[in-house]
Structure formats: C-alpha cells, structure tokens
C-alpha cells in the first residue's frame, strides 16, 4: 500500500484494491458522485454500480458511521469514510462478489490512511501547479507590458511579485534544449541570487527571458549570463547592451540578435555589438514623419466597445512585426483575430502589410514613437490629413533616410557585407522569402538558408527567425541606394 501511495498515487491504489477485491474500487463524494474509480476488468462488474455506491454513501453520511456495507443479490458494497471528522470528505467504496473474502474489510480499513494521505498530497500538488501557473502568467503579463512601453502598469503588477524590476537592465535570452527550461531557470536564480526577472518566453517554447540588473557583478564573480552558459552545457545565451527599463523591447531585440551569433560560437554566449537603433538617429524630421504616419492609428476610435482600441492595435502591430505569425502566442489571440486586426491597421494607415517596405516603415515609426525624444527636440506639428496615402508617406520616409545621421547609421549596418550583399539584396527584394530568393539566385532553398545563416554571423543579427533584422537592413539598403542616386 505505502509503495503504491509513493509511486502511483490514488489511481494505482484503487487499481490494486479492485484486483484484491475481485471487483470495483473507487472514491465517491458524500452525495454519491464518483471521483475516481478502477475495475478488475474493462467491463462493469455490476449493472448499476453508480447507483449502488451512491445509495451506500448517502446512508453512510446520514448515519455518521465509520463503515457501512450494502448487499445486493450477488455483490456487497463496503464503504469507509476517508475522514471521520470531515463530513465532506470522500468515501472509499469497494464492490466485491459475495461471499466477501476473509480479511477484506480489515484490509480496507488499513488502506484508508495511506489513501487519505495520498489524496491530500495530490490536492496540494494541484494547488502548487495552479500557483506556479498563475505566477508564470503574471510574469509573462509584466514582460508584455514592458515590451509595449507600459512601464507604470508593469511596475504596479510586478509589485506583488519578486524581485523588483531593475532599472537600467540587460535583457538576456537563454535557448534551452528539450524540456530543460525549468532546470535552467533554477540555475539562473542561483547564478544571480534571484535578482533577475525570469520569464518563460510565450512565443518560443525553448527560450527563457531574463531582465537583469545592468551593473556588472562584484570583482571575481562571473556575470549571470556567462555563468549560465558555463554551467549548462547545452544552452545558448544572447545578451543585450544596458538599456533603460522602458526600452525592454529594444533590449529583447538586441539579445535575440546576439543569440543568433552565439549559436555559431564555441562558448555558446554572445553580447550584442555596439550599433545604434535607427530610432535614435532619425532626428526631428523622422519624429514628424512617424507622428504623421501613425496618427490615423493612434487616434482611432472603435465603433463597438468590444473592438480593439488604438493602444491595442498599436500593440498588435508591434507584436506582429516582432514575432510574425507567432504573435498569436504572444498576444493570446486567435489567428483570425490577428488577421482582422492587421487588415484594420493596414486600412487605417494606408499600408500594404504584405510588402516588406511597408512593414519596415511601420516598424521604424513604432520604434521612433517608443523612443524618448531629446529634451531640445520640438514637439511634432499637429497631424493634418492630406489624403495622399502611402506614396506620400514613402516619399517622406525617403527624405528621412537621406539625413546624414541616418546614412552614417546605414553604413555601419552594411559595413560587414559591403560589396558582397547580393544574397541579402535578393532575399529582401523577395519580401524575405527563402523560396523565391533561392530561385532568383539559382541555388537550392537549403543553399540559400546556409548563405543567410553565414550572414547572421557576419552581421551579428538574426535574419531567419523573428524578431529579424530584415527591417533595419531594408532601411539601410534603401538609404544607401537613395544616396547613390542623389
């Protein structure tokens, strides 16, 4: 009995009892509802076993007895309450053929205690799992708020959990093997003394996201990310630059790009190289362009209360640009809901979101909006609808890309592949699709994938898996082409 209670739980104990009794064994509620059951054979041993045990359980509860038996023509039902003090506790019921085997009643009396303890342990385990799930969902919600720039709300929600959100931070993405995410999370907690905010990625099942304090560890101590890579032999770690807590989304993109580089390194660890975000170099003209492009979206008023508002649509756009079809996991919405929202966003902005050019423009505009402007930057002028649509917006973006600071940024982005960017240009011209790019290059799809994987290492950016650097690279190539044509 005790071995089964430790190794198999309630189900195994009841199965064993059914075999010993040569009939049926189960747990029933005081009202006769069957909670767990096991039979010696696949077929029922009694035509109306549920009615029989319900009648016995009702009689046992009414009389407040410590045991009860109920005979039918060919079978006997034996019932024992799991707790003498709790009238709501389940009842052990066994139906056995007559005559009752010698010693069976004593055996059932003995099994009540291990069965009761086993059931309590299972109840506590279910509660623990619910608590763990609630905490995991709470941490995921905080990360979602940080990624969408809702810093105040994120801090309020995080106040009920531990640790406190640090500021500034480094964002770390750990790619685990198989089902080892929970074990790697424990290693992360031990490595940094539970100072980091650890979240199981809602998009990639093998990823852990750490929002870590940006300061370096004490002298002689290894940084958390390096310690995790050293201790877990089959994980890969990418880390961002130090960023303000409000720029967690930027830090995540940087860490994801570093992860693509780390996969090709023997150390399985990489930190994001120094490269400014384009949102920091577009200047006042770029901020005005982003304001004008996003105004129809940010001023949108839903027709019905249940329809998404401006903030929800902006969050949907950001999630889809970052995670592509995986945005359904990030936003916890159905794919049809995502598709409907994207159609509405495209209609509001006058953009074709199937085009990489329009995706890159929207991505840049959202990043500019999320980036705090320098104190001396004037506020954008009020939006004045012109009705000129996507072409005017594209011309305005071209003017922004010709700014000297943006051109310098573009040169930095493309410097590692300058003069050998045929594969990159072809892939972007084919809307970031491998099949058409491979056909245009005259090579196989695996060959095109290998070329892009090598480019990931050279550029130190993720290209094939979202969040991808394809938007930045499209903007950089567009800026250089405009400058060459000017």
Protein backbone atom coordinates (compact mmCIF):
# COMPACT_ATOMS: atom_id res chain seq x y z
CA UNK A 1 0.00 0.00 0.00
CA UNK A 2 2.68 2.50 1.01
CA UNK A 3 4.81 1.74 -2.05
CA UNK A 4 1.86 2.37 -4.35
CA UNK A 5 0.98 5.57 -2.50
CA UNK A 6 4.51 6.88 -3.09
CA UNK A 7 4.92 5.75 -6.70
CA UNK A 8 1.47 5.55 -8.26
CA UNK A 9 -0.86 7.64 -6.18
CA UNK A 10 -4.61 7.28 -5.75
CA UNK A 11 -5.18 5.67 -9.16
CA UNK A 12 -2.70 2.83 -8.52
CA UNK A 13 -4.03 2.18 -5.02
CA UNK A 14 -7.59 1.90 -6.31
CA UNK A 15 -6.49 -0.38 -9.15
CA UNK A 16 -4.72 -2.64 -6.66
CA UNK A 17 -7.76 -2.69 -4.37
CA UNK A 18 -10.05 -3.60 -7.27
CA UNK A 19 -7.78 -6.53 -8.04
CA UNK A 20 -7.68 -7.70 -4.40
CA UNK A 21 -11.45 -7.40 -4.10
CA UNK A 22 -12.10 -9.03 -7.48
CA UNK A 23 -14.49 -6.21 -8.38
CA UNK A 24 -14.68 -2.43 -8.34
CA UNK A 25 -12.97 0.21 -6.14
CA UNK A 26 -13.41 3.98 -6.12
CA UNK A 27 -13.68 7.23 -4.25
CA UNK A 28 -17.12 8.84 -4.13
CA UNK A 29 -18.35 12.12 -2.72
CA UNK A 30 -20.85 12.26 0.15
CA UNK A 31 -23.61 12.70 -2.45
CA UNK A 32 -22.53 9.57 -4.32
CA UNK A 33 -20.64 11.27 -7.18
CA UNK A 34 -17.81 9.01 -8.38
CA UNK A 35 -14.49 10.91 -8.16
CA UNK A 36 -12.01 8.14 -9.02
CA UNK A 37 -12.64 4.53 -9.97
CA UNK A 38 -10.92 1.32 -11.04
CA UNK A 39 -12.35 -2.08 -12.00
CA UNK A 40 -10.78 -5.52 -12.22
CA UNK A 41 -11.97 -5.88 -15.81
CA UNK A 42 -12.78 -3.41 -18.55
CA UNK A 43 -16.47 -4.28 -18.32
CA UNK A 44 -18.59 -3.19 -15.36
CA UNK A 45 -18.97 -5.87 -12.70
CA UNK A 46 -22.38 -4.57 -11.55
CA UNK A 47 -25.14 -3.31 -13.87
CA UNK A 48 -25.78 -0.13 -11.83
CA UNK A 49 -22.62 0.33 -9.82
CA UNK A 50 -23.01 4.12 -9.64
CA UNK A 51 -26.50 3.79 -8.11
CA UNK A 52 -25.28 1.18 -5.64
CA UNK A 53 -22.37 3.22 -4.26
CA UNK A 54 -24.48 6.39 -4.25
CA UNK A 55 -27.06 4.67 -2.08
CA UNK A 56 -24.37 3.37 0.26
CA UNK A 57 -22.56 6.74 0.51
CA UNK A 58 -25.84 8.52 1.29
CA UNK A 59 -26.64 6.02 4.07
CA UNK A 60 -23.10 6.28 5.49
CA UNK A 61 -23.27 10.08 5.60
CA UNK A 62 -26.74 10.16 7.17
CA UNK A 63 -25.77 7.75 9.94
CA UNK A 64 -22.31 9.24 10.56
CA UNK A 65 -20.92 5.70 10.71
CA UNK A 66 -17.26 4.65 10.47
CA UNK A 67 -18.11 1.90 7.98
CA UNK A 68 -21.12 0.66 6.05
CA UNK A 69 -22.00 -2.37 3.91
CA UNK A 70 -24.81 -2.83 1.42
CA UNK A 71 -25.74 -6.22 -0.04
CA UNK A 72 -27.35 -6.98 -3.39
CA UNK A 73 -28.15 -10.39 -4.79
CA UNK A 74 -24.60 -11.18 -5.95
CA UNK A 75 -22.40 -8.36 -4.63
CA UNK A 76 -21.58 -6.44 -1.47
CA UNK A 77 -20.61 -2.76 -1.33
CA UNK A 78 -18.21 -1.83 1.51
CA UNK A 79 -17.78 1.88 2.32
CA UNK A 80 -15.29 3.67 4.63
CA UNK A 81 -15.03 7.48 5.03
CA UNK A 82 -11.52 8.88 4.48
CA UNK A 83 -12.02 11.28 7.40
CA UNK A 84 -14.17 10.72 10.47
CA UNK A 85 -14.23 14.46 11.29
CA UNK A 86 -14.95 15.92 7.85
CA UNK A 87 -18.43 15.04 6.57
CA UNK A 88 -17.49 16.46 3.15
CA UNK A 89 -14.52 14.09 2.77
CA UNK A 90 -14.67 11.40 0.05
CA UNK A 91 -15.69 7.85 0.83
CA UNK A 92 -13.78 4.72 -0.15
CA UNK A 93 -16.20 2.31 -1.82
CA UNK A 94 -15.45 -1.26 -2.90
CA UNK A 95 -17.91 -3.58 -4.64
CA UNK A 96 -16.96 -7.26 -4.36
CA UNK A 97 -18.70 -10.55 -5.23
CA UNK A 98 -20.41 -12.41 -2.42
CA UNK A 99 -19.31 -14.00 -0.19
CA UNK A 100 -16.87 -11.30 0.94
CA UNK A 101 -13.31 -12.63 1.11
CA UNK A 102 -11.96 -13.13 4.61
CA UNK A 103 -9.92 -10.15 5.81
CA UNK A 104 -11.09 -7.78 3.04
CA UNK A 105 -12.86 -5.43 5.47
CA UNK A 106 -9.70 -5.20 7.61
CA UNK A 107 -7.62 -4.53 4.51
CA UNK A 108 -9.94 -1.67 3.50
CA UNK A 109 -9.77 -0.17 6.98
CA UNK A 110 -5.97 -0.25 6.76
CA UNK A 111 -5.81 1.35 3.32
CA UNK A 112 -7.90 4.39 4.35
CA UNK A 113 -4.91 6.19 5.93
CA UNK A 114 -2.41 5.89 3.03
CA UNK A 115 -5.20 6.64 0.56
CA UNK A 116 -6.19 9.75 2.52
CA UNK A 117 -2.57 10.98 2.74
CA UNK A 118 -2.04 10.26 -0.95
CA UNK A 119 -5.14 12.23 -1.92
CA UNK A 120 -4.08 15.19 0.24
CA UNK A 121 -0.65 15.19 -1.40
CA UNK A 122 -2.23 15.17 -4.86
CA UNK A 123 -4.53 18.04 -3.89
CA UNK A 124 -1.57 20.09 -2.67
CA UNK A 125 0.35 19.32 -5.86
CA UNK A 126 -2.56 20.53 -7.99
CA UNK A 127 -2.72 23.74 -5.95
CA UNK A 128 1.04 24.22 -6.28
CA UNK A 129 0.80 23.84 -10.05
CA UNK A 130 -2.01 26.39 -10.18
CA UNK A 131 0.07 28.82 -8.13
CA UNK A 132 3.10 28.25 -10.38
CA UNK A 133 0.95 28.78 -13.46
CA UNK A 134 -0.54 31.97 -12.01
CA UNK A 135 2.93 33.31 -11.19
CA UNK A 136 4.22 32.39 -14.65
CA UNK A 137 1.27 34.15 -16.30
CA UNK A 138 1.80 37.17 -14.04
CA UNK A 139 5.46 37.42 -15.04
CA UNK A 140 4.51 37.00 -18.69
CA UNK A 141 1.99 39.84 -18.32
CA UNK A 142 4.65 42.11 -16.83
CA UNK A 143 7.00 41.32 -19.71
CA UNK A 144 4.22 42.09 -22.22
CA UNK A 145 3.60 45.45 -20.54
CA UNK A 146 7.32 46.25 -20.66
CA UNK A 147 7.53 45.27 -24.32
CA UNK A 148 4.65 47.59 -25.18
CA UNK A 149 6.09 50.51 -23.17
CA UNK A 150 3.55 50.48 -20.32
CA UNK A 151 6.19 50.94 -17.64
CA UNK A 152 3.99 52.30 -14.85
CA UNK A 153 1.46 49.48 -15.12
CA UNK A 154 4.25 46.90 -15.33
CA UNK A 155 5.74 48.15 -12.08
CA UNK A 156 2.36 48.06 -10.37
CA UNK A 157 1.73 44.45 -11.41
CA UNK A 158 5.29 43.44 -10.55
CA UNK A 159 4.91 44.89 -7.05
CA UNK A 160 3.09 41.73 -5.95
CA UNK A 161 5.93 39.50 -7.16
CA UNK A 162 9.65 39.35 -6.53
CA UNK A 163 12.22 40.56 -7.30
CA UNK A 164 11.59 44.23 -8.02
CA UNK A 165 12.09 45.33 -11.60
CA UNK A 166 15.64 46.72 -12.00
CA UNK A 167 16.45 49.86 -13.98
CA UNK A 168 18.60 50.05 -16.13
CA UNK A 169 18.67 46.46 -17.35
CA UNK A 170 20.31 43.97 -19.65
CA UNK A 171 17.93 41.59 -21.41
CA UNK A 172 19.18 38.02 -21.75
CA UNK A 173 17.66 35.26 -23.89
CA UNK A 174 18.63 31.68 -23.00
CA UNK A 175 17.86 28.94 -25.50
CA UNK A 176 17.48 25.60 -23.70
CA UNK A 177 17.48 22.09 -25.08
CA UNK A 178 14.42 19.86 -24.94
CA UNK A 179 12.32 20.34 -21.82
CA UNK A 180 15.12 21.78 -19.70
CA UNK A 181 13.66 25.26 -19.26
CA UNK A 182 12.66 24.78 -15.61
CA UNK A 183 16.08 23.43 -14.66
CA UNK A 184 17.86 26.28 -16.46
CA UNK A 185 15.59 28.76 -14.65
CA UNK A 186 16.78 27.32 -11.32
CA UNK A 187 20.40 27.69 -12.46
CA UNK A 188 19.70 31.34 -13.36
CA UNK A 189 18.21 32.01 -9.91
CA UNK A 190 21.26 30.51 -8.20
CA UNK A 191 23.69 32.31 -10.50
CA UNK A 192 22.47 35.84 -9.75
CA UNK A 193 20.96 35.46 -6.30
CA UNK A 194 17.36 35.81 -7.56
CA UNK A 195 17.91 39.42 -8.71
CA UNK A 196 16.74 38.90 -12.29
CA UNK A 197 13.18 38.89 -13.59
CA UNK A 198 12.87 35.46 -15.25
CA UNK A 199 10.06 34.74 -17.72
CA UNK A 200 9.32 31.67 -19.82
CA UNK A 201 9.03 33.01 -23.34
CA UNK A 202 5.39 32.79 -24.53
CA UNK A 203 6.49 32.56 -28.18
CA UNK A 204 9.47 30.17 -28.24
CA UNK A 205 9.00 27.07 -26.11
CA UNK A 206 12.74 26.62 -25.53
CA UNK A 207 13.55 30.20 -24.55
CA UNK A 208 13.92 31.89 -21.17
CA UNK A 209 13.97 35.69 -20.98
CA UNK A 210 15.90 37.35 -18.16
CA UNK A 211 15.55 41.04 -17.35
CA UNK A 212 18.76 41.51 -15.34
CA UNK A 213 20.28 44.45 -13.45
CA UNK A 214 22.66 46.23 -15.82
CA UNK A 215 25.50 46.72 -13.34
CA UNK A 216 28.44 44.35 -13.54
CA UNK A 217 28.85 41.80 -10.71
CA UNK A 218 31.32 42.17 -7.87
CA UNK A 219 35.01 41.65 -8.66
CA UNK A 220 35.82 37.99 -9.18
CA UNK A 221 32.21 36.97 -9.89
CA UNK A 222 31.12 35.94 -13.38
CA UNK A 223 28.14 37.77 -14.95
CA UNK A 224 24.91 35.81 -14.75
CA UNK A 225 24.73 35.16 -18.49
CA UNK A 226 28.29 33.82 -18.66
CA UNK A 227 27.76 31.68 -15.56
CA UNK A 228 24.63 30.10 -17.05
CA UNK A 229 26.39 29.35 -20.36
CA UNK A 230 29.28 27.75 -18.44
CA UNK A 231 27.10 25.66 -16.09
CA UNK A 232 24.51 24.40 -18.59
CA UNK A 233 26.40 22.59 -21.30
CA UNK A 234 23.68 22.59 -23.98
CA UNK A 235 22.18 26.08 -23.71
CA UNK A 236 22.91 29.18 -25.84
CA UNK A 237 22.88 32.69 -24.39
CA UNK A 238 22.46 36.12 -26.01
CA UNK A 239 22.64 39.39 -24.06
CA UNK A 240 21.74 42.99 -24.86
CA UNK A 241 23.53 46.22 -24.13
CA UNK A 242 22.47 48.08 -20.95
CA UNK A 243 19.15 49.80 -21.70
CA UNK A 244 16.60 51.72 -19.62
CA UNK A 245 13.76 49.57 -18.32
CA UNK A 246 11.41 51.49 -20.62
CA UNK A 247 13.42 50.16 -23.61
CA UNK A 248 12.99 46.48 -22.72
CA UNK A 249 11.65 45.78 -26.22
CA UNK A 250 14.88 47.15 -27.73
CA UNK A 251 16.91 45.07 -25.29
CA UNK A 252 14.98 41.96 -26.27
CA UNK A 253 15.67 42.51 -29.97
CA UNK A 254 19.36 43.00 -29.23
CA UNK A 255 19.51 39.84 -27.10
CA UNK A 256 17.75 37.85 -29.81
CA UNK A 257 20.26 39.03 -32.41
CA UNK A 258 23.11 38.14 -30.05
CA UNK A 259 21.56 34.68 -29.65
CA UNK A 260 21.84 34.09 -33.41
CA UNK A 261 25.56 34.87 -33.18
CA UNK A 262 26.07 32.73 -30.06
CA UNK A 263 24.78 29.61 -31.85
CA UNK A 264 27.87 29.69 -34.05
CA UNK A 265 30.39 30.27 -31.23
CA UNK A 266 32.15 27.55 -29.19
CA UNK A 267 31.39 29.48 -26.00
CA UNK A 268 27.63 29.46 -26.80
CA UNK A 269 27.48 33.02 -25.45
CA UNK A 270 27.45 36.44 -27.13
CA UNK A 271 26.72 40.04 -26.22
CA UNK A 272 25.14 42.45 -28.66
CA UNK A 273 27.68 44.57 -30.53
CA UNK A 274 27.51 48.34 -30.41
CA UNK A 275 25.07 49.54 -33.07
CA UNK A 276 22.65 52.47 -32.63
CA UNK A 277 18.95 51.94 -33.10
CA UNK A 278 17.66 53.84 -36.16
CA UNK A 279 15.02 55.45 -33.95
CA UNK A 280 17.83 57.43 -32.25
CA UNK A 281 19.22 58.95 -35.48
CA UNK A 282 16.17 59.99 -37.49
CA UNK A 283 16.07 63.44 -35.87
CA UNK A 284 13.11 65.84 -35.72
CA UNK A 285 12.14 65.15 -39.33
CA UNK A 286 11.90 61.46 -38.58
CA UNK A 287 9.83 62.07 -35.49
CA UNK A 288 7.43 64.23 -37.51
CA UNK A 289 7.21 61.54 -40.19
CA UNK A 290 6.45 58.83 -37.60
CA UNK A 291 3.85 61.07 -35.94
CA UNK A 292 2.07 61.70 -39.24
CA UNK A 293 2.20 58.04 -40.32
CA UNK A 294 0.83 56.67 -37.05
CA UNK A 295 -1.74 59.40 -36.35
CA UNK A 296 -4.70 57.61 -38.02
CA UNK A 297 -3.93 54.54 -35.93
CA UNK A 298 -3.33 56.32 -32.63
CA UNK A 299 -6.48 58.43 -32.95
CA UNK A 300 -8.70 55.53 -34.00
CA UNK A 301 -11.93 55.17 -32.03
CA UNK A 302 -13.58 51.72 -32.17
CA UNK A 303 -17.19 51.59 -33.27
CA UNK A 304 -18.10 48.98 -30.65
CA UNK A 305 -16.96 48.55 -27.08
CA UNK A 306 -15.59 45.06 -27.80
CA UNK A 307 -13.50 46.21 -30.78
CA UNK A 308 -9.77 46.92 -30.24
CA UNK A 309 -8.80 50.49 -29.49
CA UNK A 310 -5.76 52.47 -30.60
CA UNK A 311 -3.42 51.17 -27.91
CA UNK A 312 -4.39 47.54 -28.52
CA UNK A 313 -3.95 47.94 -32.28
CA UNK A 314 -0.52 49.51 -31.81
CA UNK A 315 0.49 46.63 -29.51
CA UNK A 316 -0.79 44.14 -32.10
CA UNK A 317 1.25 45.79 -34.84
CA UNK A 318 4.40 45.77 -32.71
CA UNK A 319 3.94 42.13 -31.73
CA UNK A 320 3.28 41.00 -35.31
CA UNK A 321 6.31 42.88 -36.66
CA UNK A 322 8.48 41.29 -33.98
CA UNK A 323 7.11 37.74 -33.99
CA UNK A 324 5.27 37.32 -37.31
CA UNK A 325 2.67 34.52 -37.03
CA UNK A 326 3.89 33.71 -33.51
CA UNK A 327 2.18 36.93 -32.39
CA UNK A 328 -0.90 34.81 -31.67
CA UNK A 329 1.05 33.17 -28.82
CA UNK A 330 2.41 36.49 -27.62
CA UNK A 331 -0.95 38.28 -27.66
CA UNK A 332 -3.02 35.20 -26.70
CA UNK A 333 -5.44 35.74 -29.60
CA UNK A 334 -6.77 33.51 -32.40
CA UNK A 335 -5.09 33.77 -35.79
CA UNK A 336 -8.34 35.05 -37.32
CA UNK A 337 -8.43 37.83 -34.72
CA UNK A 338 -4.83 38.74 -35.58
CA UNK A 339 -5.61 38.77 -39.30
CA UNK A 340 -8.65 41.02 -38.78
CA UNK A 341 -6.65 43.47 -36.69
CA UNK A 342 -3.86 43.60 -39.27
CA UNK A 343 -6.39 44.33 -42.04
CA UNK A 344 -7.76 47.21 -39.97
CA UNK A 345 -4.27 48.55 -39.24
CA UNK A 346 -3.39 48.44 -42.94
CA UNK A 347 -6.62 50.27 -43.86
CA UNK A 348 -6.11 52.95 -41.22
CA UNK A 349 -2.51 53.65 -42.26
CA UNK A 350 -2.93 53.15 -46.00
CA UNK A 351 -0.19 50.48 -45.98
CA UNK A 352 0.05 47.08 -47.62
CA UNK A 353 1.39 44.97 -44.77
CA UNK A 354 2.26 42.15 -47.18
CA UNK A 355 5.09 44.35 -48.53
CA UNK A 356 8.41 44.35 -46.70
CA UNK A 357 8.84 48.05 -47.47
CA UNK A 358 5.61 48.95 -45.65
CA UNK A 359 6.46 46.60 -42.78
CA UNK A 360 9.85 48.29 -42.37
CA UNK A 361 8.24 51.74 -42.39
CA UNK A 362 5.68 50.78 -39.75
CA UNK A 363 8.35 49.11 -37.61
CA UNK A 364 10.54 52.21 -37.70
CA UNK A 365 7.62 54.51 -36.91
CA UNK A 366 6.59 52.45 -33.89
CA UNK A 367 10.18 52.38 -32.61
CA UNK A 368 10.53 56.15 -33.04
CA UNK A 369 7.29 56.62 -31.12
CA UNK A 370 8.55 54.40 -28.29
CA UNK A 371 11.92 56.21 -28.07
CA UNK A 372 12.05 59.27 -25.77
CA UNK A 373 12.99 62.40 -27.69
CA UNK A 374 15.90 64.60 -26.56
CA UNK A 375 14.83 67.49 -24.35
CA UNK A 376 15.61 70.06 -27.05
CA UNK A 377 13.53 68.32 -29.74
CA UNK A 378 10.39 70.29 -30.65
CA UNK A 379 7.03 68.57 -30.46
CA UNK A 380 5.75 67.24 -33.82
CA UNK A 381 3.32 69.52 -35.58
CA UNK A 382 -0.37 68.59 -35.31
CA UNK A 383 -1.44 65.98 -37.81
CA UNK A 384 -3.18 67.38 -40.87
CA UNK A 385 -4.73 64.72 -43.13
CA UNK A 386 -3.71 65.21 -46.78
CA UNK A 387 -5.41 62.20 -48.36
CA UNK A 388 -2.23 61.50 -50.33
CA UNK A 389 -1.85 57.97 -48.95
CA UNK A 390 1.03 55.56 -48.99
CA UNK A 391 3.02 57.21 -51.81
CA UNK A 392 3.38 60.48 -49.92
CA UNK A 393 4.35 58.57 -46.78
CA UNK A 394 7.01 56.70 -48.80
CA UNK A 395 8.44 59.96 -50.18
CA UNK A 396 8.54 61.40 -46.66
CA UNK A 397 10.41 58.33 -45.43
CA UNK A 398 12.93 58.70 -48.28
CA UNK A 399 13.65 62.25 -47.13
CA UNK A 400 14.26 60.96 -43.59
CA UNK A 401 16.60 58.23 -44.86
CA UNK A 402 18.73 60.85 -46.68
CA UNK A 403 19.62 62.60 -43.41
CA UNK A 404 23.40 62.44 -42.78
CA UNK A 405 22.97 60.69 -39.41
CA UNK A 406 20.78 58.01 -40.98
CA UNK A 407 23.24 57.49 -43.83
CA UNK A 408 26.06 57.06 -41.31
CA UNK A 409 23.91 54.51 -39.46
CA UNK A 410 23.25 52.67 -42.74
CA UNK A 411 26.98 52.49 -43.48
CA UNK A 412 27.56 50.94 -40.04
CA UNK A 413 24.88 48.33 -40.63
CA UNK A 414 26.14 47.26 -44.04
CA UNK A 415 29.90 47.59 -43.49
CA UNK A 416 30.42 43.84 -42.79
CA UNK A 417 28.86 42.84 -46.14
CA UNK A 418 29.76 45.84 -48.29
CA UNK A 419 30.50 44.72 -51.83
CA UNK A 420 29.09 41.22 -51.26
CA UNK A 421 25.45 41.87 -50.48
CA UNK A 422 23.89 40.09 -53.48
CA UNK A 423 22.25 37.38 -51.36
CA UNK A 424 20.97 39.93 -48.85
CA UNK A 425 19.56 42.23 -51.55
CA UNK A 426 17.88 39.36 -53.35
CA UNK A 427 16.32 37.98 -50.16
CA UNK A 428 14.94 41.41 -49.19
CA UNK A 429 13.72 42.05 -52.74
CA UNK A 430 11.78 38.77 -52.47
CA UNK A 431 10.00 40.04 -49.33
CA UNK A 432 12.23 37.95 -47.05
CA UNK A 433 11.01 34.64 -48.53
CA UNK A 434 13.53 31.85 -48.99
CA UNK A 435 11.90 30.04 -51.92
CA UNK A 436 11.70 32.98 -54.35
CA UNK A 437 15.15 34.21 -53.25
CA UNK A 438 16.72 30.81 -53.91
CA UNK A 439 15.07 30.65 -57.35
CA UNK A 440 16.35 34.11 -58.29
CA UNK A 441 19.86 33.25 -57.06
CA UNK A 442 19.79 29.96 -58.96
CA UNK A 443 20.50 27.83 -55.89
CA UNK A 444 18.55 25.42 -53.68
CA UNK A 445 16.49 26.55 -50.70
CA UNK A 446 18.91 24.84 -48.22
CA UNK A 447 21.76 26.63 -50.01
CA UNK A 448 20.02 29.98 -49.60
CA UNK A 449 19.38 29.21 -45.94
CA UNK A 450 23.08 28.41 -45.39
CA UNK A 451 24.08 31.71 -47.01
CA UNK A 452 21.74 33.67 -44.77
CA UNK A 453 22.95 31.76 -41.72
CA UNK A 454 26.51 32.82 -42.57
CA UNK A 455 25.28 36.39 -42.99
CA UNK A 456 23.76 36.22 -39.49
CA UNK A 457 27.24 35.55 -38.10
CA UNK A 458 28.84 38.29 -40.18
CA UNK A 459 26.18 40.91 -39.41
CA UNK A 460 25.67 39.70 -35.83
CA UNK A 461 21.92 39.83 -36.38
CA UNK A 462 19.09 37.31 -36.61
CA UNK A 463 17.67 37.11 -40.13
CA UNK A 464 15.72 33.87 -40.43
CA UNK A 465 13.88 33.83 -37.09
CA UNK A 466 11.78 36.72 -35.77
CA UNK A 467 12.48 39.23 -34.40
CA UNK A 468 14.58 39.62 -37.55
CA UNK A 469 16.91 42.45 -38.59
CA UNK A 470 15.41 42.49 -42.08
CA UNK A 471 13.59 45.79 -41.44
CA UNK A 472 16.80 47.56 -40.40
CA UNK A 473 18.69 46.08 -43.34
CA UNK A 474 15.97 47.09 -45.81
CA UNK A 475 16.09 50.65 -44.46
CA UNK A 476 19.89 50.69 -44.60
CA UNK A 477 19.98 49.48 -48.22
CA UNK A 478 17.24 51.93 -49.17
CA UNK A 479 19.19 54.81 -47.61
CA UNK A 480 22.40 53.87 -49.48
CA UNK A 481 20.55 53.46 -52.78
CA UNK A 482 18.88 56.86 -52.38
CA UNK A 483 22.22 58.48 -51.57
CA UNK A 484 23.85 56.84 -54.59
CA UNK A 485 21.07 58.06 -56.87
CA UNK A 486 21.07 61.63 -55.48
